[in-house]
Amino acid sequence: MLLIALAIKADSKGPVFFKQKRVGINKTHFNILKFRTMYADVPKDVPTHLLADPESKITKIGRFLRVTLDGFSEHNAENLVKFMTEANKAYLAATETKGCD
């Protein structure tokens, strides 16, 4: 993460992170921090696909991050689910062999 932060700082002026509002369970709102992939002067309340020329607003490192981190995070989420499933199976198997006292 530190290398990504340094690359963003070296690529363009502005903060490394930006806050994005999301809607969660029961329609509660919360903020998440994301790495900034666009120039700092881009309007914050306009979705990327509605900008006049969105490709010109993405920084060099931002373009790289969008390609690499999108698949990276999905891959890690899948691996986490697989790991938790296997860990749960192992726990259940261990508790069944011990029996209940």
Protein backbone atom coordinates (compact mmCIF):
# COMPACT_ATOMS: atom_id res chain seq x y z
CA MET A 1 0.00 0.00 0.00
CA LEU A 2 2.87 2.33 0.73
CA LEU A 3 4.27 1.86 -2.78
CA ILE A 4 0.87 2.62 -4.30
CA ALA A 5 0.57 5.78 -2.18
CA LEU A 6 4.03 6.96 -3.25
CA ALA A 7 3.24 6.26 -6.91
CA ILE A 8 0.00 8.27 -6.71
CA LYS A 9 1.84 11.19 -5.08
CA ALA A 10 4.59 11.10 -7.72
CA ASP A 11 2.07 10.90 -10.58
CA SER A 12 -0.16 13.89 -9.75
CA LYS A 13 -0.91 16.59 -7.21
CA GLY A 14 -3.57 16.00 -4.59
CA PRO A 15 -4.40 13.51 -1.86
CA VAL A 16 -3.65 9.80 -2.10
CA PHE A 17 -7.12 8.73 -0.96
CA PHE A 18 -10.61 10.00 -1.53
CA LYS A 19 -13.80 9.34 0.40
CA GLN A 20 -16.76 7.76 -1.35
CA LYS A 21 -20.24 7.44 0.12
CA ARG A 22 -21.86 4.00 -0.17
CA VAL A 23 -25.21 2.55 0.84
CA GLY A 24 -25.11 -0.50 3.08
CA ILE A 25 -27.51 -2.84 4.84
CA ASN A 26 -30.88 -1.28 5.70
CA LYS A 27 -30.00 1.68 3.44
CA THR A 28 -27.47 3.06 5.94
CA HIS A 29 -24.82 5.32 4.45
CA PHE A 30 -21.11 4.90 5.16
CA ASN A 31 -17.86 6.24 3.73
CA ILE A 32 -15.01 4.19 2.32
CA LEU A 33 -11.50 5.32 1.46
CA LYS A 34 -10.26 4.53 -2.02
CA PHE A 35 -7.01 5.20 -3.82
CA ARG A 36 -7.35 8.26 -6.04
CA THR A 37 -7.12 7.26 -9.72
CA MET A 38 -8.28 10.55 -11.24
CA TYR A 39 -6.85 14.06 -11.11
CA ALA A 40 -7.78 16.01 -7.97
CA ASP A 41 -9.66 18.75 -9.87
CA VAL A 42 -12.28 16.38 -11.32
CA PRO A 43 -15.81 17.01 -9.93
CA LYS A 44 -16.40 14.60 -7.05
CA ASP A 45 -20.17 14.25 -7.43
CA VAL A 46 -20.15 13.22 -11.10
CA PRO A 47 -19.81 9.52 -12.04
CA THR A 48 -16.86 8.80 -14.32
CA HIS A 49 -19.02 7.68 -17.24
CA LEU A 50 -20.86 11.04 -17.24
CA LEU A 51 -17.71 13.17 -17.62
CA ALA A 52 -17.10 14.85 -21.00
CA ASP A 53 -13.82 12.99 -21.66
CA PRO A 54 -13.33 10.51 -18.81
CA GLU A 55 -10.11 8.95 -20.16
CA SER A 56 -8.34 12.33 -19.99
CA LYS A 57 -9.22 12.63 -16.29
CA ILE A 58 -7.54 9.36 -15.24
CA THR A 59 -3.91 9.60 -14.11
CA LYS A 60 -1.20 7.27 -15.46
CA ILE A 61 -0.95 5.35 -12.20
CA GLY A 62 -4.76 5.47 -11.94
CA ARG A 63 -5.13 3.66 -15.26
CA PHE A 64 -2.72 0.98 -14.04
CA LEU A 65 -4.54 0.64 -10.70
CA ARG A 66 -7.96 0.34 -12.31
CA VAL A 67 -6.76 -2.55 -14.45
CA THR A 68 -4.78 -4.40 -11.79
CA LEU A 69 -6.67 -3.76 -8.54
CA ASP A 70 -10.15 -4.51 -9.90
CA GLY A 71 -9.31 -8.13 -10.63
CA PHE A 72 -7.00 -8.31 -7.62
CA SER A 73 -9.71 -7.50 -5.09
CA GLU A 74 -12.21 -9.93 -6.63
CA HIS A 75 -9.58 -12.67 -6.62
CA ASN A 76 -8.75 -12.02 -2.94
CA ALA A 77 -12.44 -12.05 -1.96
CA GLU A 78 -12.91 -15.43 -3.64
CA ASN A 79 -9.84 -16.82 -1.88
CA LEU A 80 -11.04 -15.51 1.47
CA VAL A 81 -14.42 -17.22 1.05
CA LYS A 82 -12.69 -20.49 0.10
CA PHE A 83 -10.36 -20.24 3.10
CA MET A 84 -13.19 -19.51 5.53
CA THR A 85 -15.21 -22.43 4.14
CA GLU A 86 -12.31 -24.83 4.59
CA ALA A 87 -11.53 -23.46 8.05
CA ASN A 88 -15.15 -23.94 9.07
CA LYS A 89 -15.13 -27.54 7.75
CA ALA A 90 -11.94 -28.27 9.69
CA TYR A 91 -13.39 -26.76 12.87
CA LEU A 92 -16.59 -28.78 12.56
CA ALA A 93 -14.64 -31.98 11.90
CA ALA A 94 -12.45 -31.35 14.95
CA THR A 95 -15.39 -30.68 17.28
CA GLU A 96 -17.31 -33.74 16.04
CA THR A 97 -14.40 -36.10 16.78
CA LYS A 98 -13.96 -34.73 20.33
CA GLY A 99 -17.61 -35.14 21.18
CA CYS A 100 -19.56 -33.04 23.62
CA ASP A 101 -18.72 -33.35 27.30
